[in-house]
C-alpha atoms as a PDB file:
ATOM      1  CA  MET A   1     -26.139 103.860  73.891  1.00  0.00           C
ATOM      2  CA  SER A   2     -29.868 104.469  73.647  1.00  0.00           C
ATOM      3  CA  GLN A   3     -31.917 102.027  71.607  1.00  0.00           C
ATOM      4  CA  LEU A   4     -32.424 103.136  68.005  1.00  0.00           C
ATOM      5  CA  GLU A   5     -35.615 101.733  66.536  1.00  0.00           C
ATOM      6  CA  LEU A   6     -37.906 102.431  63.609  1.00  0.00           C
ATOM      7  CA  ILE A   7     -41.476 102.706  64.858  1.00  0.00           C
ATOM      8  CA  LEU A   8     -44.228 102.826  62.248  1.00  0.00           C
ATOM      9  CA  LYS A   9     -47.087 105.057  63.274  1.00  0.00           C
ATOM     10  CA  ASP A  10     -49.509 103.227  60.976  1.00  0.00           C
ATOM     11  CA  ASP A  11     -50.324  99.544  60.618  1.00  0.00           C
ATOM     12  CA  VAL A  12     -48.474  98.430  57.479  1.00  0.00           C
ATOM     13  CA  SER A  13     -51.390  96.248  56.387  1.00  0.00           C
ATOM     14  CA  LYS A  14     -53.548  99.390  56.272  1.00  0.00           C
ATOM     15  CA  LEU A  15     -50.973 101.135  54.099  1.00  0.00           C
ATOM     16  CA  ILE A  16     -51.189  98.615  51.272  1.00  0.00           C
ATOM     17  CA  PRO A  17     -52.941 100.422  48.447  1.00  0.00           C
ATOM     18  CA  ALA A  18     -56.105  99.000  46.967  1.00  0.00           C
ATOM     19  CA  MET A  19     -55.999  97.443  43.539  1.00  0.00           C
ATOM     20  CA  ILE A  20     -56.619  99.939  40.790  1.00  0.00           C
ATOM     21  CA  ALA A  21     -59.969  99.272  39.176  1.00  0.00           C
ATOM     22  CA  TRP A  22     -60.081  99.914  35.469  1.00  0.00           C
ATOM     23  CA  ASN A  23     -61.609  98.499  32.306  1.00  0.00           C
ATOM     24  CA  ASN A  24     -58.825  95.982  31.711  1.00  0.00           C
ATOM     25  CA  LYS A  25     -61.042  93.088  30.544  1.00  0.00           C
ATOM     26  CA  GLU A  26     -63.175  95.246  28.301  1.00  0.00           C
ATOM     27  CA  LEU A  27     -60.164  97.010  26.821  1.00  0.00           C
ATOM     28  CA  MET A  28     -58.336  93.710  26.259  1.00  0.00           C
ATOM     29  CA  ALA A  29     -61.438  92.304  24.547  1.00  0.00           C
ATOM     30  CA  GLN A  30     -61.515  95.335  22.237  1.00  0.00           C
ATOM     31  CA  VAL A  31     -57.808  94.968  21.488  1.00  0.00           C
ATOM     32  CA  ASN A  32     -58.215  91.246  20.755  1.00  0.00           C
ATOM     33  CA  GLU A  33     -61.127  92.069  18.491  1.00  0.00           C
ATOM     34  CA  ILE A  34     -59.344  94.693  16.365  1.00  0.00           C
ATOM     35  CA  LEU A  35     -55.786  93.319  16.494  1.00  0.00           C
ATOM     36  CA  PRO A  36     -56.271  90.647  13.796  1.00  0.00           C
ATOM     37  CA  ARG A  37     -57.286  93.413  11.393  1.00  0.00           C
ATOM     38  CA  TYR A  38     -53.834  95.008  11.885  1.00  0.00           C
ATOM     39  CA  LEU A  39     -51.859  91.787  12.102  1.00  0.00           C
ATOM     40  CA  ASN A  40     -53.340  90.438   8.867  1.00  0.00           C
ATOM     41  CA  ALA A  41     -53.531  93.726   6.978  1.00  0.00           C
ATOM     42  CA  GLU A  42     -52.299  93.829   3.401  1.00  0.00           C
ATOM     43  CA  TYR A  43     -51.209  97.342   2.632  1.00  0.00           C
ATOM     44  CA  GLY A  44     -49.836  96.866  -0.866  1.00  0.00           C
ATOM     45  CA  ASP A  45     -47.630  99.492  -2.465  1.00  0.00           C
ATOM     46  CA  ASP A  46     -49.373 102.451  -0.820  1.00  0.00           C
ATOM     47  CA  ILE A  47     -48.027 102.420   2.745  1.00  0.00           C
ATOM     48  CA  SER A  48     -49.736 105.643   3.791  1.00  0.00           C
ATOM     49  CA  GLN A  49     -52.536 103.652   5.471  1.00  0.00           C
ATOM     50  CA  ALA A  50     -49.884 101.450   7.205  1.00  0.00           C
ATOM     51  CA  LYS A  51     -48.233 104.580   8.569  1.00  0.00           C
ATOM     52  CA  GLU A  52     -51.581 105.912   9.812  1.00  0.00           C
ATOM     53  CA  ASP A  53     -52.395 102.591  11.485  1.00  0.00           C
ATOM     54  CA  ARG A  54     -49.003 102.380  13.148  1.00  0.00           C
ATOM     55  CA  THR A  55     -49.287 105.997  14.352  1.00  0.00           C
ATOM     56  CA  ALA A  56     -52.755 105.341  15.784  1.00  0.00           C
ATOM     57  CA  LEU A  57     -51.595 102.200  17.601  1.00  0.00           C
ATOM     58  CA  ASN A  58     -48.436 103.916  18.900  1.00  0.00           C
ATOM     59  CA  ASN A  59     -50.524 106.851  20.141  1.00  0.00           C
ATOM     60  CA  PHE A  60     -52.783 104.427  22.008  1.00  0.00           C
ATOM     61  CA  ILE A  61     -49.713 102.732  23.576  1.00  0.00           C
ATOM     62  CA  LYS A  62     -48.260 106.116  24.493  1.00  0.00           C
ATOM     63  CA  THR A  63     -51.520 107.276  26.109  1.00  0.00           C
ATOM     64  CA  LEU A  64     -51.953 104.009  28.026  1.00  0.00           C
ATOM     65  CA  ASN A  65     -48.362 104.035  29.267  1.00  0.00           C
ATOM     66  CA  SER A  66     -48.564 107.706  30.185  1.00  0.00           C
ATOM     67  CA  LYS A  67     -51.627 107.016  32.337  1.00  0.00           C
ATOM     68  CA  ARG A  68     -49.796 104.065  33.961  1.00  0.00           C
ATOM     69  CA  LEU A  69     -46.834 106.276  34.815  1.00  0.00           C
ATOM     70  CA  GLU A  70     -49.124 108.996  36.187  1.00  0.00           C
ATOM     71  CA  ILE A  71     -50.870 106.500  38.482  1.00  0.00           C
ATOM     72  CA  LYS A  72     -47.583 104.899  39.494  1.00  0.00           C
ATOM     73  CA  LYS A  73     -46.213 108.288  40.521  1.00  0.00           C
ATOM     74  CA  VAL A  74     -49.220 108.941  42.761  1.00  0.00           C
ATOM     75  CA  TYR A  75     -49.198 105.396  44.156  1.00  0.00           C
ATOM     76  CA  THR A  76     -45.496 105.310  44.952  1.00  0.00           C
ATOM     77  CA  ALA A  77     -45.168 108.866  46.283  1.00  0.00           C
ATOM     78  CA  PRO A  78     -45.598 107.818  49.950  1.00  0.00           C
ATOM     79  CA  LEU A  79     -43.138 104.939  49.535  1.00  0.00           C
ATOM     80  CA  ASP A  80     -40.655 107.199  47.758  1.00  0.00           C
ATOM     81  CA  LYS A  81     -40.894 109.736  50.584  1.00  0.00           C
ATOM     82  CA  PHE A  82     -40.450 107.001  53.213  1.00  0.00           C
ATOM     83  CA  THR A  83     -37.460 105.572  51.318  1.00  0.00           C
ATOM     84  CA  GLU A  84     -35.872 109.017  51.089  1.00  0.00           C
ATOM     85  CA  GLU A  85     -36.297 109.599  54.818  1.00  0.00           C
ATOM     86  CA  VAL A  86     -34.961 106.126  55.736  1.00  0.00           C
ATOM     87  CA  ASN A  87     -31.955 106.637  53.466  1.00  0.00           C
ATOM     88  CA  GLU A  88     -31.281 109.962  55.199  1.00  0.00           C
ATOM     89  CA  VAL A  89     -31.179 108.221  58.598  1.00  0.00           C
ATOM     90  CA  ILE A  90     -29.032 105.400  57.198  1.00  0.00           C
ATOM     91  CA  ALA A  91     -26.563 107.920  55.746  1.00  0.00           C
ATOM     92  CA  ALA A  92     -26.254 109.698  59.090  1.00  0.00           C
ATOM     93  CA  VAL A  93     -25.680 106.459  61.007  1.00  0.00           C
ATOM     94  CA  THR A  94     -23.264 105.198  58.346  1.00  0.00           C
ATOM     95  CA  LYS A  95     -21.012 108.187  59.040  1.00  0.00           C
ATOM     96  CA  ALA A  96     -20.647 106.938  62.617  1.00  0.00           C
ATOM     97  CA  THR A  97     -20.117 103.299  61.633  1.00  0.00           C
ATOM     98  CA  ASP A  98     -17.501 104.330  59.074  1.00  0.00           C
ATOM     99  CA  ARG A  99     -15.640 106.354  61.703  1.00  0.00           C
ATOM    100  CA  ILE A 100     -15.809 103.484  64.190  1.00  0.00           C
ATOM    101  CA  GLY A 101     -14.593 101.163  61.445  1.00  0.00           C
ATOM    102  CA  GLU A 102     -11.570 103.403  60.909  1.00  0.00           C
ATOM    103  CA  ILE A 103     -10.780 103.300  64.628  1.00  0.00           C
ATOM    104  CA  ILE A 104     -11.089  99.501  64.647  1.00  0.00           C
ATOM    105  CA  THR A 105      -8.831  99.179  61.597  1.00  0.00           C
ATOM    106  CA  ILE A 106      -6.183 101.411  63.158  1.00  0.00           C
ATOM    107  CA  ALA A 107      -6.290  99.420  66.406  1.00  0.00           C
ATOM    108  CA  GLU A 108      -6.140  96.083  64.575  1.00  0.00           C
ATOM    109  CA  ASN A 109      -3.236  97.232  62.408  1.00  0.00           C
ATOM    110  CA  LYS A 110      -1.389  98.452  65.500  1.00  0.00           C
ATOM    111  CA  ALA A 111      -1.975  95.105  67.240  1.00  0.00           C
ATOM    112  CA  LYS A 112      -0.764  93.223  64.158  1.00  0.00           C
ATOM    113  CA  ALA A 113       2.352  95.402  63.937  1.00  0.00           C
ATOM    114  CA  GLU A 114       3.104  94.779  67.613  1.00  0.00           C
ATOM    115  CA  LYS A 115       2.559  91.054  67.183  1.00  0.00           C
ATOM    116  CA  LYS A 116       4.776  91.015  64.096  1.00  0.00           C
ATOM    117  CA  ALA A 117       7.530  92.851  65.974  1.00  0.00           C
ATOM    118  CA  GLU A 118       7.341  90.241  68.756  1.00  0.00           C
ATOM    119  CA  ILE A 119       7.445  87.378  66.254  1.00  0.00           C
ATOM    120  CA  VAL A 120      10.341  88.892  64.281  1.00  0.00           C
ATOM    121  CA  LYS A 121      12.230  89.387  67.539  1.00  0.00           C
ATOM    122  CA  TYR A 122      11.722  85.721  68.411  1.00  0.00           C
ATOM    123  CA  PHE A 123      12.787  84.667  64.915  1.00  0.00           C
ATOM    124  CA  ASN A 124      15.964  86.728  65.173  1.00  0.00           C
ATOM    125  CA  GLU A 125      16.746  85.081  68.526  1.00  0.00           C
ATOM    126  CA  VAL A 126      16.374  81.496  67.222  1.00  0.00           C
ATOM    127  CA  ILE A 127      17.600  81.697  63.630  1.00  0.00           C
ATOM    128  CA  GLY A 128      21.227  81.727  64.747  1.00  0.00           C
ATOM    129  CA  ASP A 129      23.811  80.832  62.078  1.00  0.00           C
ATOM    130  CA  LEU A 130      21.109  80.684  59.376  1.00  0.00           C
ATOM    131  CA  ALA A 131      20.367  84.423  59.582  1.00  0.00           C
ATOM    132  CA  ASP A 132      22.240  85.245  56.356  1.00  0.00           C
ATOM    133  CA  LEU A 133      20.706  82.298  54.514  1.00  0.00           C
ATOM    134  CA  VAL A 134      17.072  82.554  55.682  1.00  0.00           C
ATOM    135  CA  PRO A 135      15.506  86.011  56.060  1.00  0.00           C
ATOM    136  CA  TYR A 136      12.314  86.231  58.099  1.00  0.00           C
ATOM    137  CA  GLU A 137      10.234  87.004  54.991  1.00  0.00           C
ATOM    138  CA  LYS A 138      11.010  83.522  53.591  1.00  0.00           C
ATOM    139  CA  ILE A 139       9.156  81.761  56.415  1.00  0.00           C
ATOM    140  CA  GLU A 140       6.646  84.471  57.313  1.00  0.00           C
ATOM    141  CA  ASP A 141       2.971  83.550  57.475  1.00  0.00           C
ATOM    142  CA  THR A 142       0.620  86.554  57.689  1.00  0.00           C
ATOM    143  CA  LYS A 143      -1.893  84.425  59.625  1.00  0.00           C
ATOM    144  CA  TRP A 144       0.475  84.684  62.588  1.00  0.00           C
ATOM    145  CA  TYR A 145      -0.589  88.333  63.023  1.00  0.00           C
ATOM    146  CA  ASN A 146      -4.312  87.601  63.354  1.00  0.00           C
ATOM    147  CA  ALA A 147      -5.886  88.258  66.736  1.00  0.00           C
ATOM    148  CA  THR A 148      -6.851  84.591  67.043  1.00  0.00           C
ATOM    149  CA  ALA A 149      -3.316  83.325  66.377  1.00  0.00           C
ATOM    150  CA  LYS A 150      -1.483  82.319  69.556  1.00  0.00           C
ATOM    151  CA  ILE A 151       2.160  83.295  70.049  1.00  0.00           C
ATOM    152  CA  LYS A 152       2.951  79.817  71.394  1.00  0.00           C
ATOM    153  CA  ALA A 153       1.670  78.189  68.200  1.00  0.00           C
ATOM    154  CA  THR A 154       3.542  80.738  66.091  1.00  0.00           C
ATOM    155  CA  THR A 155       6.863  80.206  67.866  1.00  0.00           C
ATOM    156  CA  LYS A 156       6.341  76.459  67.498  1.00  0.00           C
ATOM    157  CA  ALA A 157       5.746  76.898  63.756  1.00  0.00           C
ATOM    158  CA  ILE A 158       8.919  78.993  63.460  1.00  0.00           C
ATOM    159  CA  ASP A 159      10.905  76.381  65.402  1.00  0.00           C
ATOM    160  CA  GLU A 160       9.577  73.638  63.116  1.00  0.00           C
ATOM    161  CA  LYS A 161      10.422  75.612  59.967  1.00  0.00           C
ATOM    162  CA  ILE A 162      13.948  76.314  61.179  1.00  0.00           C
ATOM    163  CA  ALA A 163      14.394  72.666  62.179  1.00  0.00           C
ATOM    164  CA  LYS A 164      13.207  71.596  58.715  1.00  0.00           C
ATOM    165  CA  ILE A 165      15.640  74.004  57.057  1.00  0.00           C
ATOM    166  CA  ARG A 166      18.503  72.647  59.178  1.00  0.00           C
ATOM    167  CA  GLU A 167      17.459  69.089  58.315  1.00  0.00           C
ATOM    168  CA  ASP A 168      17.286  69.911  54.601  1.00  0.00           C
ATOM    169  CA  LEU A 169      20.707  71.583  54.728  1.00  0.00           C
ATOM    170  CA  THR A 170      22.145  68.480  56.434  1.00  0.00           C
ATOM    171  CA  VAL A 171      20.720  66.302  53.662  1.00  0.00           C
ATOM    172  CA  ILE A 172      22.125  68.608  51.001  1.00  0.00           C
ATOM    173  CA  ASP A 173      25.544  68.605  52.708  1.00  0.00           C
ATOM    174  CA  SER A 174      25.538  64.813  52.965  1.00  0.00           C
ATOM    175  CA  LEU A 175      24.657  64.485  49.294  1.00  0.00           C
ATOM    176  CA  GLY A 176      27.476  66.804  48.318  1.00  0.00           C
ATOM    177  CA  ALA A 177      30.006  64.935  50.504  1.00  0.00           C
ATOM    178  CA  ASN A 178      29.079  61.540  49.097  1.00  0.00           C
ATOM    179  CA  ASP A 179      29.055  62.695  45.487  1.00  0.00           C
ATOM    180  CA  THR A 180      32.586  62.027  44.274  1.00  0.00           C
ATOM    181  CA  ASN A 181      31.655  61.362  40.648  1.00  0.00           C
ATOM    182  CA  GLY A 182      30.515  64.905  39.923  1.00  0.00           C
ATOM    183  CA  LEU A 183      27.609  65.602  37.699  1.00  0.00           C
END
């Protein structure tokens, strides 16, 4: 496979936009100067002046925010375009990775099914007279089907489980034989 690589044609440090110069300090000083007049205003029963003041302040906020959004749109346009183009490439490559993922999943599921069949076959060979009492599903451990699980360790685990079941049944039988009082 050929090497896929994003190569920027411009030095990123040169792409960083300059700070936007504006009359922030002067405007903030003006706001701080007139704000107490509004914050401490006593409008009385006639709220028409309060409505005018609120409308004037809201219009100022709306104008200021509108200018901010206009500048943001211009400032972020190159980044938005770059993001759109990168996302287009990512989407195209993702189609391939998704397809490969499907192939991997199918192969892994097939391998697990084959491993399970081998394990079930072994279980059926060693369960003997307990077959009616202990179905495979009662001792099954899904970890046995993982690619890292070794068959030798799995067969050992099955042997140990069957031995434990036989031991437990012997104990139960011995308890029943010695219990002559009944419960």
